[in-house]
Amino acid sequence: MTDTTPSSSSLGNGDCAIVPAIQIEHLSKSYGATTVVDDLTFTVHPGTVTGFLGPNGAGKSTTMRMILGLDRPSNGRALIGGRPYAQWPSPTRLLGSLLDASAIHPGRTARAHLSWIARSSAVPASRIGPVLDRVGIADAADQPAGGLSLGMRQRLGLAGALLCDPRVLILDEPLNGLDPEGIVWLRHLLKEFAETGGTVLLSSHLMNEMQATADHVVVIARGRLIADVSVAELAARTSGTIRVDGVGAAQIIDALTKRGGNIENADDSPDRFTVTGVDPAEINRIAWSLDVTLRELAPTGASLETAFLTLTHNQDRRTTKGTTP
């Protein structure tokens, strides 16, 4: 692995030539008897957009907070270029972050918010105008943050993350509140950032957009790592997924499961689901033997969303049975 550890003087004088990786090493976090992050190990490499995926409560936000030094690990460590975030001479000039757009002071204008970040980071105020233009809210620069829409607050939070011209970005659900145009804009921004060598860790619940934006994904569930693969590899795992729909189709699920099938139910009907591990001819034979008429029996395309749901569903089943991944 390439050594990305900078010298002790790097970035103390604004040198942003070095792009460090984010290194998570046996990271754990517990609150009393509850473990929310459990022995995580993965690396976010420069030049890639890495998606950070997991169900609600999986430990994604807690992991990001530990990377930024906002929460102390119970065990393990989170490093940026070989050292903790707080040990960098000018950490905000190395890493830009957006964890919660609603945390911006509601009475402070967009320009004043960025001015506060610039002063605390020793960044020239002359950067404020260009970054407001870049995120598309220059016209709202003098409006109080409390009067901005959720999408505009997200853009202001992104402006704060970009203000110091960092080489690493950590963004927690930055797509929330953005309209379709804003989502496409952010996708291009992150891809361009990574193409210039930047390191990006991005969480989102919008799987289709994550598939279009990320190069690599880290998937966790119940605080544990369950996948660390390229987006293409994870999506390809669904290439054998069969979509099933029909009146009474739920009657064939037990038989499919006994033949090694993995079932993912739709939210709106027990008779609509996807199957992996059983070929269409066998599914049709089982349905015929149980006198079930299927309206649909068709393969699906490779989908990050389907792969994610299958992974997390299987993890929940293993946890319920008392086994480890």
C-alpha atoms as a PDB file:
ATOM      1  CA  MET A   1       0.000   0.000   0.000  1.00  0.00           C
ATOM      2  CA  THR A   2       1.274   3.452  -0.886  1.00  0.00           C
ATOM      3  CA  ASP A   3       2.429   5.506   2.093  1.00  0.00           C
ATOM      4  CA  THR A   4       0.140   8.528   2.324  1.00  0.00           C
ATOM      5  CA  THR A   5       1.435   9.795   5.649  1.00  0.00           C
ATOM      6  CA  PRO A   6       2.468  13.449   5.228  1.00  0.00           C
ATOM      7  CA  SER A   7       5.424  15.098   6.899  1.00  0.00           C
ATOM      8  CA  SER A   8       4.847  17.017  10.132  1.00  0.00           C
ATOM      9  CA  SER A   9       4.885  20.336   8.309  1.00  0.00           C
ATOM     10  CA  SER A  10       2.355  19.380   5.632  1.00  0.00           C
ATOM     11  CA  LEU A  11      -0.812  21.483   5.477  1.00  0.00           C
ATOM     12  CA  GLY A  12       0.384  23.708   8.258  1.00  0.00           C
ATOM     13  CA  ASN A  13       1.135  26.278   5.568  1.00  0.00           C
ATOM     14  CA  GLY A  14      -1.757  25.405   3.244  1.00  0.00           C
ATOM     15  CA  ASP A  15       0.052  22.673   1.280  1.00  0.00           C
ATOM     16  CA  CYS A  16      -2.749  20.573  -0.197  1.00  0.00           C
ATOM     17  CA  ALA A  17      -0.640  18.565  -2.641  1.00  0.00           C
ATOM     18  CA  ILE A  18      -0.750  15.431  -0.482  1.00  0.00           C
ATOM     19  CA  VAL A  19      -4.018  13.498  -0.519  1.00  0.00           C
ATOM     20  CA  PRO A  20      -4.297  11.100   2.433  1.00  0.00           C
ATOM     21  CA  ALA A  21      -6.442   8.025   2.789  1.00  0.00           C
ATOM     22  CA  ILE A  22      -8.933   7.522   5.613  1.00  0.00           C
ATOM     23  CA  GLN A  23      -7.894   4.452   7.578  1.00  0.00           C
ATOM     24  CA  ILE A  24     -10.309   2.726   9.964  1.00  0.00           C
ATOM     25  CA  GLU A  25      -8.565   0.130  12.119  1.00  0.00           C
ATOM     26  CA  HIS A  26     -10.546  -2.191  14.426  1.00  0.00           C
ATOM     27  CA  LEU A  27     -12.798   0.712  15.351  1.00  0.00           C
ATOM     28  CA  SER A  28     -15.453   0.139  18.025  1.00  0.00           C
ATOM     29  CA  LYS A  29     -17.820   2.339  19.994  1.00  0.00           C
ATOM     30  CA  SER A  30     -20.055   1.319  22.877  1.00  0.00           C
ATOM     31  CA  TYR A  31     -22.469   3.245  25.064  1.00  0.00           C
ATOM     32  CA  GLY A  32     -22.801   1.200  28.210  1.00  0.00           C
ATOM     33  CA  ALA A  33     -23.816  -2.316  27.186  1.00  0.00           C
ATOM     34  CA  THR A  34     -24.823  -1.200  23.670  1.00  0.00           C
ATOM     35  CA  THR A  35     -22.235  -1.565  20.900  1.00  0.00           C
ATOM     36  CA  VAL A  36     -22.976   0.704  17.938  1.00  0.00           C
ATOM     37  CA  VAL A  37     -19.708   0.223  16.011  1.00  0.00           C
ATOM     38  CA  ASP A  38     -18.118  -3.214  16.235  1.00  0.00           C
ATOM     39  CA  ASP A  39     -14.488  -3.789  15.150  1.00  0.00           C
ATOM     40  CA  LEU A  40     -14.670  -1.950  11.815  1.00  0.00           C
ATOM     41  CA  THR A  41     -11.647  -2.028   9.509  1.00  0.00           C
ATOM     42  CA  PHE A  42     -11.609  -0.439   6.031  1.00  0.00           C
ATOM     43  CA  THR A  43      -9.737   2.163   3.986  1.00  0.00           C
ATOM     44  CA  VAL A  44     -11.117   5.049   1.908  1.00  0.00           C
ATOM     45  CA  HIS A  45      -8.602   5.612  -0.881  1.00  0.00           C
ATOM     46  CA  PRO A  46      -7.733   8.865  -2.683  1.00  0.00           C
ATOM     47  CA  GLY A  47      -9.143   9.252  -6.171  1.00  0.00           C
ATOM     48  CA  THR A  48     -12.404   7.465  -5.358  1.00  0.00           C
ATOM     49  CA  VAL A  49     -15.891   8.282  -4.148  1.00  0.00           C
ATOM     50  CA  THR A  50     -16.609   5.706  -1.440  1.00  0.00           C
ATOM     51  CA  GLY A  51     -20.224   5.178  -0.486  1.00  0.00           C
ATOM     52  CA  PHE A  52     -20.898   4.382   3.165  1.00  0.00           C
ATOM     53  CA  LEU A  53     -24.092   2.338   3.365  1.00  0.00           C
ATOM     54  CA  GLY A  54     -26.147   0.746   6.094  1.00  0.00           C
ATOM     55  CA  PRO A  55     -29.664   0.689   7.570  1.00  0.00           C
ATOM     56  CA  ASN A  56     -30.733   3.332  10.068  1.00  0.00           C
ATOM     57  CA  GLY A  57     -28.842   2.790  13.300  1.00  0.00           C
ATOM     58  CA  ALA A  58     -26.049   0.810  11.608  1.00  0.00           C
ATOM     59  CA  GLY A  59     -23.326   3.085  13.024  1.00  0.00           C
ATOM     60  CA  LYS A  60     -22.477   5.212   9.979  1.00  0.00           C
ATOM     61  CA  SER A  61     -22.840   8.617  11.629  1.00  0.00           C
ATOM     62  CA  THR A  62     -21.021   7.463  14.758  1.00  0.00           C
ATOM     63  CA  THR A  63     -18.130   6.223  12.608  1.00  0.00           C
ATOM     64  CA  MET A  64     -17.936   9.570  10.799  1.00  0.00           C
ATOM     65  CA  ARG A  65     -17.949  11.422  14.122  1.00  0.00           C
ATOM     66  CA  MET A  66     -15.053   9.285  15.354  1.00  0.00           C
ATOM     67  CA  ILE A  67     -13.071  10.050  12.198  1.00  0.00           C
ATOM     68  CA  LEU A  68     -13.563  13.760  12.943  1.00  0.00           C
ATOM     69  CA  GLY A  69     -12.629  13.387  16.604  1.00  0.00           C
ATOM     70  CA  LEU A  70     -16.131  14.312  17.800  1.00  0.00           C
ATOM     71  CA  ASP A  71     -16.628  10.947  19.516  1.00  0.00           C
ATOM     72  CA  ARG A  72     -13.900   8.948  21.249  1.00  0.00           C
ATOM     73  CA  PRO A  73     -13.556   5.299  20.142  1.00  0.00           C
ATOM     74  CA  SER A  74     -13.971   2.581  22.747  1.00  0.00           C
ATOM     75  CA  ASN A  75     -11.359   0.587  20.837  1.00  0.00           C
ATOM     76  CA  GLY A  76      -9.351   0.926  17.647  1.00  0.00           C
ATOM     77  CA  ARG A  77      -8.568   4.115  15.798  1.00  0.00           C
ATOM     78  CA  ALA A  78      -9.586   6.321  12.879  1.00  0.00           C
ATOM     79  CA  LEU A  79      -6.718   7.929  10.965  1.00  0.00           C
ATOM     80  CA  ILE A  80      -6.336  10.376   8.121  1.00  0.00           C
ATOM     81  CA  GLY A  81      -3.016   9.965   6.375  1.00  0.00           C
ATOM     82  CA  GLY A  82      -1.678   7.969   9.298  1.00  0.00           C
ATOM     83  CA  ARG A  83      -2.688  10.293  12.144  1.00  0.00           C
ATOM     84  CA  PRO A  84      -5.858  11.295  14.002  1.00  0.00           C
ATOM     85  CA  TYR A  85      -7.766  14.297  12.662  1.00  0.00           C
ATOM     86  CA  ALA A  86      -6.978  16.439  15.734  1.00  0.00           C
ATOM     87  CA  GLN A  87      -3.234  15.937  15.308  1.00  0.00           C
ATOM     88  CA  TRP A  88      -3.105  17.755  11.969  1.00  0.00           C
ATOM     89  CA  PRO A  89      -1.785  21.339  12.186  1.00  0.00           C
ATOM     90  CA  SER A  90      -4.707  22.710  10.147  1.00  0.00           C
ATOM     91  CA  PRO A  91      -7.319  19.935  10.051  1.00  0.00           C
ATOM     92  CA  THR A  92     -10.115  21.965   8.428  1.00  0.00           C
ATOM     93  CA  ARG A  93      -7.798  22.794   5.520  1.00  0.00           C
ATOM     94  CA  LEU A  94      -7.201  19.079   5.045  1.00  0.00           C
ATOM     95  CA  LEU A  95     -10.731  17.745   5.486  1.00  0.00           C
ATOM     96  CA  GLY A  96     -14.130  19.280   4.793  1.00  0.00           C
ATOM     97  CA  SER A  97     -17.210  17.755   6.357  1.00  0.00           C
ATOM     98  CA  LEU A  98     -20.982  18.010   6.435  1.00  0.00           C
ATOM     99  CA  LEU A  99     -22.706  15.975   9.123  1.00  0.00           C
ATOM    100  CA  ASP A 100     -25.894  17.959   9.811  1.00  0.00           C
ATOM    101  CA  ALA A 101     -27.020  20.949   7.764  1.00  0.00           C
ATOM    102  CA  SER A 102     -29.592  21.836  10.430  1.00  0.00           C
ATOM    103  CA  ALA A 103     -26.763  22.567  12.903  1.00  0.00           C
ATOM    104  CA  ILE A 104     -26.051  25.922  11.207  1.00  0.00           C
ATOM    105  CA  HIS A 105     -27.060  28.835  13.480  1.00  0.00           C
ATOM    106  CA  PRO A 106     -30.492  29.951  12.169  1.00  0.00           C
ATOM    107  CA  GLY A 107     -29.886  33.646  12.829  1.00  0.00           C
ATOM    108  CA  ARG A 108     -26.559  33.788  11.006  1.00  0.00           C
ATOM    109  CA  THR A 109     -26.525  34.652   7.323  1.00  0.00           C
ATOM    110  CA  ALA A 110     -24.919  32.330   4.812  1.00  0.00           C
ATOM    111  CA  ARG A 111     -22.064  34.785   4.306  1.00  0.00           C
ATOM    112  CA  ALA A 112     -21.558  35.228   8.073  1.00  0.00           C
ATOM    113  CA  HIS A 113     -21.531  31.468   8.580  1.00  0.00           C
ATOM    114  CA  LEU A 114     -18.769  31.051   6.006  1.00  0.00           C
ATOM    115  CA  SER A 115     -16.908  34.079   7.413  1.00  0.00           C
ATOM    116  CA  TRP A 116     -16.817  32.371  10.813  1.00  0.00           C
ATOM    117  CA  ILE A 117     -15.386  29.196   9.227  1.00  0.00           C
ATOM    118  CA  ALA A 118     -12.830  31.231   7.257  1.00  0.00           C
ATOM    119  CA  ARG A 119     -11.606  33.101  10.347  1.00  0.00           C
ATOM    120  CA  SER A 120     -11.333  29.969  12.476  1.00  0.00           C
ATOM    121  CA  SER A 121      -9.425  28.175   9.709  1.00  0.00           C
ATOM    122  CA  ALA A 122      -7.148  31.098   8.707  1.00  0.00           C
ATOM    123  CA  VAL A 123      -8.588  31.074   5.196  1.00  0.00           C
ATOM    124  CA  PRO A 124      -8.905  34.346   3.209  1.00  0.00           C
ATOM    125  CA  ALA A 125     -12.406  35.819   3.177  1.00  0.00           C
ATOM    126  CA  SER A 126     -11.968  36.260  -0.576  1.00  0.00           C
ATOM    127  CA  ARG A 127     -12.839  32.562  -0.963  1.00  0.00           C
ATOM    128  CA  ILE A 128     -16.392  33.077   0.333  1.00  0.00           C
ATOM    129  CA  GLY A 129     -17.876  34.628  -2.816  1.00  0.00           C
ATOM    130  CA  PRO A 130     -16.526  31.983  -5.219  1.00  0.00           C
ATOM    131  CA  VAL A 131     -17.650  29.086  -3.037  1.00  0.00           C
ATOM    132  CA  LEU A 132     -21.163  30.562  -2.705  1.00  0.00           C
ATOM    133  CA  ASP A 133     -21.245  30.759  -6.498  1.00  0.00           C
ATOM    134  CA  ARG A 134     -19.972  27.195  -6.766  1.00  0.00           C
ATOM    135  CA  VAL A 135     -22.794  25.767  -4.648  1.00  0.00           C
ATOM    136  CA  GLY A 136     -25.435  27.948  -6.300  1.00  0.00           C
ATOM    137  CA  ILE A 137     -26.612  30.112  -3.391  1.00  0.00           C
ATOM    138  CA  ALA A 138     -24.850  33.435  -4.081  1.00  0.00           C
ATOM    139  CA  ASP A 139     -28.237  35.167  -4.328  1.00  0.00           C
ATOM    140  CA  ALA A 140     -29.068  34.035  -0.778  1.00  0.00           C
ATOM    141  CA  ALA A 141     -25.721  35.027   0.735  1.00  0.00           C
ATOM    142  CA  ASP A 142     -27.233  37.620   3.065  1.00  0.00           C
ATOM    143  CA  GLN A 143     -30.299  35.672   4.141  1.00  0.00           C
ATOM    144  CA  PRO A 144     -30.441  34.093   7.628  1.00  0.00           C
ATOM    145  CA  ALA A 145     -29.852  30.335   7.489  1.00  0.00           C
ATOM    146  CA  GLY A 146     -33.110  29.759   9.369  1.00  0.00           C
ATOM    147  CA  GLY A 147     -35.050  31.160   6.415  1.00  0.00           C
ATOM    148  CA  LEU A 148     -33.420  28.898   3.844  1.00  0.00           C
ATOM    149  CA  SER A 149     -35.046  25.753   2.502  1.00  0.00           C
ATOM    150  CA  LEU A 150     -33.572  22.382   3.475  1.00  0.00           C
ATOM    151  CA  GLY A 151     -31.969  22.087   0.049  1.00  0.00           C
ATOM    152  CA  MET A 152     -30.364  25.533   0.343  1.00  0.00           C
ATOM    153  CA  ARG A 153     -29.106  24.712   3.852  1.00  0.00           C
ATOM    154  CA  GLN A 154     -27.557  21.568   2.450  1.00  0.00           C
ATOM    155  CA  ARG A 155     -25.815  23.672  -0.194  1.00  0.00           C
ATOM    156  CA  LEU A 156     -24.612  26.070   2.526  1.00  0.00           C
ATOM    157  CA  GLY A 157     -23.272  23.093   4.504  1.00  0.00           C
ATOM    158  CA  LEU A 158     -21.457  21.918   1.376  1.00  0.00           C
ATOM    159  CA  ALA A 159     -20.053  25.428   0.915  1.00  0.00           C
ATOM    160  CA  GLY A 160     -18.608  25.183   4.418  1.00  0.00           C
ATOM    161  CA  ALA A 161     -17.083  21.800   3.602  1.00  0.00           C
ATOM    162  CA  LEU A 162     -15.476  23.161   0.421  1.00  0.00           C
ATOM    163  CA  LEU A 163     -14.427  26.594   1.710  1.00  0.00           C
ATOM    164  CA  CYS A 164     -10.911  25.645   2.823  1.00  0.00           C
ATOM    165  CA  ASP A 165     -10.138  23.794  -0.432  1.00  0.00           C
ATOM    166  CA  PRO A 166      -9.727  20.431   1.345  1.00  0.00           C
ATOM    167  CA  ARG A 167      -8.390  17.216  -0.152  1.00  0.00           C
ATOM    168  CA  VAL A 168     -10.737  14.962   1.850  1.00  0.00           C
ATOM    169  CA  LEU A 169     -14.537  15.183   2.128  1.00  0.00           C
ATOM    170  CA  ILE A 170     -16.782  13.409   4.643  1.00  0.00           C
ATOM    171  CA  LEU A 171     -20.478  13.944   3.903  1.00  0.00           C
ATOM    172  CA  ASP A 172     -23.375  12.422   5.846  1.00  0.00           C
ATOM    173  CA  GLU A 173     -26.584  12.313   3.769  1.00  0.00           C
ATOM    174  CA  PRO A 174     -25.706  15.427   1.699  1.00  0.00           C
ATOM    175  CA  LEU A 175     -28.453  14.658  -0.836  1.00  0.00           C
ATOM    176  CA  ASN A 176     -31.266  15.235   1.667  1.00  0.00           C
ATOM    177  CA  GLY A 177     -33.459  18.093   0.515  1.00  0.00           C
ATOM    178  CA  LEU A 178     -31.735  18.589  -2.836  1.00  0.00           C
ATOM    179  CA  ASP A 179     -33.962  18.771  -5.902  1.00  0.00           C
ATOM    180  CA  PRO A 180     -33.131  16.573  -8.951  1.00  0.00           C
ATOM    181  CA  GLU A 181     -30.964  19.321 -10.451  1.00  0.00           C
ATOM    182  CA  GLY A 182     -29.082  19.659  -7.167  1.00  0.00           C
ATOM    183  CA  ILE A 183     -28.527  15.902  -6.943  1.00  0.00           C
ATOM    184  CA  VAL A 184     -27.012  15.809 -10.433  1.00  0.00           C
ATOM    185  CA  TRP A 185     -24.878  18.868  -9.589  1.00  0.00           C
ATOM    186  CA  LEU A 186     -23.510  17.209  -6.449  1.00  0.00           C
ATOM    187  CA  ARG A 187     -22.816  13.983  -8.318  1.00  0.00           C
ATOM    188  CA  HIS A 188     -20.661  15.837 -10.836  1.00  0.00           C
ATOM    189  CA  LEU A 189     -18.937  17.846  -8.105  1.00  0.00           C
ATOM    190  CA  LEU A 190     -17.936  14.726  -6.162  1.00  0.00           C
ATOM    191  CA  LYS A 191     -16.785  12.873  -9.261  1.00  0.00           C
ATOM    192  CA  GLU A 192     -14.629  15.845 -10.309  1.00  0.00           C
ATOM    193  CA  PHE A 193     -13.236  16.104  -6.776  1.00  0.00           C
ATOM    194  CA  ALA A 194     -12.210  12.438  -6.847  1.00  0.00           C
ATOM    195  CA  GLU A 195     -10.845  12.673 -10.385  1.00  0.00           C
ATOM    196  CA  THR A 196      -8.382  15.321  -9.189  1.00  0.00           C
ATOM    197  CA  GLY A 197      -7.183  12.876  -6.525  1.00  0.00           C
ATOM    198  CA  GLY A 198      -9.501  13.802  -3.650  1.00  0.00           C
ATOM    199  CA  THR A 199     -10.726  11.333  -1.028  1.00  0.00           C
ATOM    200  CA  VAL A 200     -14.520  11.149  -0.529  1.00  0.00           C
ATOM    201  CA  LEU A 201     -16.581   9.266   2.066  1.00  0.00           C
ATOM    202  CA  LEU A 202     -20.298   9.709   1.393  1.00  0.00           C
ATOM    203  CA  SER A 203     -23.362   8.252   3.092  1.00  0.00           C
ATOM    204  CA  SER A 204     -26.801   8.227   1.510  1.00  0.00           C
ATOM    205  CA  HIS A 205     -30.060   6.262   1.508  1.00  0.00           C
ATOM    206  CA  LEU A 206     -30.610   7.006  -2.210  1.00  0.00           C
ATOM    207  CA  MET A 207     -29.259   3.782  -3.677  1.00  0.00           C
ATOM    208  CA  ASN A 208     -29.812   4.640  -7.334  1.00  0.00           C
ATOM    209  CA  GLU A 209     -27.869   7.861  -6.902  1.00  0.00           C
ATOM    210  CA  MET A 210     -25.146   6.099  -4.940  1.00  0.00           C
ATOM    211  CA  GLN A 211     -24.802   3.618  -7.796  1.00  0.00           C
ATOM    212  CA  ALA A 212     -24.385   6.539 -10.208  1.00  0.00           C
ATOM    213  CA  THR A 213     -21.929   8.449  -7.994  1.00  0.00           C
ATOM    214  CA  ALA A 214     -19.746   6.074  -5.980  1.00  0.00           C
ATOM    215  CA  ASP A 215     -16.845   3.955  -7.242  1.00  0.00           C
ATOM    216  CA  HIS A 216     -16.623   1.797  -4.121  1.00  0.00           C
ATOM    217  CA  VAL A 217     -18.940   0.956  -1.235  1.00  0.00           C
ATOM    218  CA  VAL A 218     -18.489   0.026   2.401  1.00  0.00           C
ATOM    219  CA  VAL A 219     -21.623  -1.593   3.844  1.00  0.00           C
ATOM    220  CA  ILE A 220     -22.220  -2.032   7.571  1.00  0.00           C
ATOM    221  CA  ALA A 221     -25.100  -3.449   9.597  1.00  0.00           C
ATOM    222  CA  ARG A 222     -25.447  -3.457  13.380  1.00  0.00           C
ATOM    223  CA  GLY A 223     -22.043  -1.788  13.518  1.00  0.00           C
ATOM    224  CA  ARG A 224     -20.269  -4.585  11.652  1.00  0.00           C
ATOM    225  CA  LEU A 225     -18.624  -4.594   8.238  1.00  0.00           C
ATOM    226  CA  ILE A 226     -20.501  -6.800   5.766  1.00  0.00           C
ATOM    227  CA  ALA A 227     -19.068  -5.613   2.414  1.00  0.00           C
ATOM    228  CA  ASP A 228     -16.092  -3.596   1.150  1.00  0.00           C
ATOM    229  CA  VAL A 229     -16.223  -3.845  -2.640  1.00  0.00           C
ATOM    230  CA  SER A 230     -16.543  -1.859  -5.851  1.00  0.00           C
ATOM    231  CA  VAL A 231     -20.038  -0.676  -6.793  1.00  0.00           C
ATOM    232  CA  ALA A 232     -19.890  -2.788  -9.961  1.00  0.00           C
ATOM    233  CA  GLU A 233     -19.007  -5.932  -8.012  1.00  0.00           C
ATOM    234  CA  LEU A 234     -21.755  -5.458  -5.433  1.00  0.00           C
ATOM    235  CA  ALA A 235     -24.405  -4.629  -8.041  1.00  0.00           C
ATOM    236  CA  ALA A 236     -23.359  -7.656 -10.107  1.00  0.00           C
ATOM    237  CA  ARG A 237     -24.373  -9.901  -7.208  1.00  0.00           C
ATOM    238  CA  THR A 238     -28.014  -9.228  -8.189  1.00  0.00           C
ATOM    239  CA  SER A 239     -27.571 -10.297 -11.808  1.00  0.00           C
ATOM    240  CA  GLY A 240     -29.270 -13.617 -10.907  1.00  0.00           C
ATOM    241  CA  THR A 241     -32.211 -11.975  -9.128  1.00  0.00           C
ATOM    242  CA  ILE A 242     -35.700 -13.001 -10.287  1.00  0.00           C
ATOM    243  CA  ARG A 243     -38.748 -10.789  -9.764  1.00  0.00           C
ATOM    244  CA  VAL A 244     -41.917 -12.720  -8.819  1.00  0.00           C
ATOM    245  CA  ASP A 245     -45.503 -11.441  -8.693  1.00  0.00           C
ATOM    246  CA  GLY A 246     -48.869 -13.195  -8.657  1.00  0.00           C
ATOM    247  CA  VAL A 247     -52.034 -13.740  -6.662  1.00  0.00           C
ATOM    248  CA  GLY A 248     -51.114 -16.060  -3.805  1.00  0.00           C
ATOM    249  CA  ALA A 249     -47.431 -16.062  -4.776  1.00  0.00           C
ATOM    250  CA  ALA A 250     -46.487 -15.872  -1.076  1.00  0.00           C
ATOM    251  CA  GLN A 251     -47.512 -19.558  -0.866  1.00  0.00           C
ATOM    252  CA  ILE A 252     -44.357 -20.617  -2.743  1.00  0.00           C
ATOM    253  CA  ILE A 253     -41.880 -18.784  -0.481  1.00  0.00           C
ATOM    254  CA  ASP A 254     -41.346 -21.679   1.947  1.00  0.00           C
ATOM    255  CA  ALA A 255     -40.619 -24.074  -0.906  1.00  0.00           C
ATOM    256  CA  LEU A 256     -38.183 -21.612  -2.492  1.00  0.00           C
ATOM    257  CA  THR A 257     -36.381 -21.109   0.818  1.00  0.00           C
ATOM    258  CA  LYS A 258     -36.006 -24.878   1.288  1.00  0.00           C
ATOM    259  CA  ARG A 259     -34.306 -25.014  -2.125  1.00  0.00           C
ATOM    260  CA  GLY A 260     -31.737 -22.402  -1.069  1.00  0.00           C
ATOM    261  CA  GLY A 261     -33.525 -19.309  -2.329  1.00  0.00           C
ATOM    262  CA  ASN A 262     -33.024 -15.897  -0.733  1.00  0.00           C
ATOM    263  CA  ILE A 263     -36.266 -13.922  -0.642  1.00  0.00           C
ATOM    264  CA  GLU A 264     -36.635 -10.153  -0.456  1.00  0.00           C
ATOM    265  CA  ASN A 265     -40.244  -9.069   0.002  1.00  0.00           C
ATOM    266  CA  ALA A 266     -41.693  -5.914  -1.492  1.00  0.00           C
ATOM    267  CA  ASP A 267     -43.052  -3.365   0.959  1.00  0.00           C
ATOM    268  CA  ASP A 268     -46.531  -3.168  -0.581  1.00  0.00           C
ATOM    269  CA  SER A 269     -47.530  -6.841  -1.035  1.00  0.00           C
ATOM    270  CA  PRO A 270     -46.511 -10.254   0.338  1.00  0.00           C
ATOM    271  CA  ASP A 271     -47.220 -11.676  -3.140  1.00  0.00           C
ATOM    272  CA  ARG A 272     -44.508  -9.537  -4.751  1.00  0.00           C
ATOM    273  CA  PHE A 273     -40.859 -10.392  -4.036  1.00  0.00           C
ATOM    274  CA  THR A 274     -37.453 -11.140  -5.544  1.00  0.00           C
ATOM    275  CA  VAL A 275     -35.579 -14.438  -5.425  1.00  0.00           C
ATOM    276  CA  THR A 276     -31.894 -15.268  -5.756  1.00  0.00           C
ATOM    277  CA  GLY A 277     -30.429 -18.770  -5.784  1.00  0.00           C
ATOM    278  CA  VAL A 278     -33.277 -20.491  -7.670  1.00  0.00           C
ATOM    279  CA  ASP A 279     -33.592 -20.415 -11.466  1.00  0.00           C
ATOM    280  CA  PRO A 280     -36.828 -19.232 -13.168  1.00  0.00           C
ATOM    281  CA  ALA A 281     -37.770 -22.698 -14.456  1.00  0.00           C
ATOM    282  CA  GLU A 282     -37.649 -24.140 -10.928  1.00  0.00           C
ATOM    283  CA  ILE A 283     -39.681 -21.196  -9.554  1.00  0.00           C
ATOM    284  CA  ASN A 284     -42.307 -21.771 -12.236  1.00  0.00           C
ATOM    285  CA  ARG A 285     -42.425 -25.526 -11.494  1.00  0.00           C
ATOM    286  CA  ILE A 286     -42.935 -24.882  -7.772  1.00  0.00           C
ATOM    287  CA  ALA A 287     -45.697 -22.352  -8.475  1.00  0.00           C
ATOM    288  CA  TRP A 288     -47.441 -24.823 -10.818  1.00  0.00           C
ATOM    289  CA  SER A 289     -47.225 -27.640  -8.247  1.00  0.00           C
ATOM    290  CA  LEU A 290     -48.914 -25.400  -5.647  1.00  0.00           C
ATOM    291  CA  ASP A 291     -51.548 -24.186  -8.142  1.00  0.00           C
ATOM    292  CA  VAL A 292     -50.259 -20.605  -8.043  1.00  0.00           C
ATOM    293  CA  THR A 293     -50.494 -18.530 -11.213  1.00  0.00           C
ATOM    294  CA  LEU A 294     -47.674 -16.012 -11.634  1.00  0.00           C
ATOM    295  CA  ARG A 295     -48.235 -12.701 -13.409  1.00  0.00           C
ATOM    296  CA  GLU A 296     -44.535 -11.946 -13.511  1.00  0.00           C
ATOM    297  CA  LEU A 297     -41.408 -14.098 -13.471  1.00  0.00           C
ATOM    298  CA  ALA A 298     -38.534 -12.035 -14.824  1.00  0.00           C
ATOM    299  CA  PRO A 299     -34.834 -11.377 -14.185  1.00  0.00           C
ATOM    300  CA  THR A 300     -33.871  -7.962 -12.854  1.00  0.00           C
ATOM    301  CA  GLY A 301     -30.951  -5.823 -13.944  1.00  0.00           C
ATOM    302  CA  ALA A 302     -27.861  -5.399 -11.788  1.00  0.00           C
ATOM    303  CA  SER A 303     -28.927  -3.142  -8.918  1.00  0.00           C
ATOM    304  CA  LEU A 304     -27.009  -1.712  -5.976  1.00  0.00           C
ATOM    305  CA  GLU A 305     -30.299  -1.273  -4.115  1.00  0.00           C
ATOM    306  CA  THR A 306     -31.247  -4.946  -4.462  1.00  0.00           C
ATOM    307  CA  ALA A 307     -27.737  -6.057  -3.464  1.00  0.00           C
ATOM    308  CA  PHE A 308     -27.809  -3.781  -0.410  1.00  0.00           C
ATOM    309  CA  LEU A 309     -31.212  -5.024   0.716  1.00  0.00           C
ATOM    310  CA  THR A 310     -30.157  -8.642   0.256  1.00  0.00           C
ATOM    311  CA  LEU A 311     -26.926  -8.121   2.194  1.00  0.00           C
ATOM    312  CA  THR A 312     -28.557  -6.380   5.134  1.00  0.00           C
ATOM    313  CA  HIS A 313     -31.524  -8.763   5.182  1.00  0.00           C
ATOM    314  CA  ASN A 314     -29.183 -11.769   5.313  1.00  0.00           C
ATOM    315  CA  GLN A 315     -27.150 -10.097   8.070  1.00  0.00           C
ATOM    316  CA  ASP A 316     -30.314  -9.584  10.124  1.00  0.00           C
ATOM    317  CA  ARG A 317     -31.229 -13.261   9.647  1.00  0.00           C
ATOM    318  CA  ARG A 318     -27.773 -14.397  10.802  1.00  0.00           C
ATOM    319  CA  THR A 319     -27.908 -12.079  13.820  1.00  0.00           C
ATOM    320  CA  THR A 320     -31.383 -13.325  14.755  1.00  0.00           C
ATOM    321  CA  LYS A 321     -30.115 -16.910  14.615  1.00  0.00           C
ATOM    322  CA  GLY A 322     -27.224 -15.950  16.893  1.00  0.00           C
ATOM    323  CA  THR A 323     -24.450 -16.399  14.312  1.00  0.00           C
ATOM    324  CA  THR A 324     -21.713 -13.978  13.311  1.00  0.00           C
ATOM    325  CA  PRO A 325     -20.999 -12.740   9.775  1.00  0.00           C
END
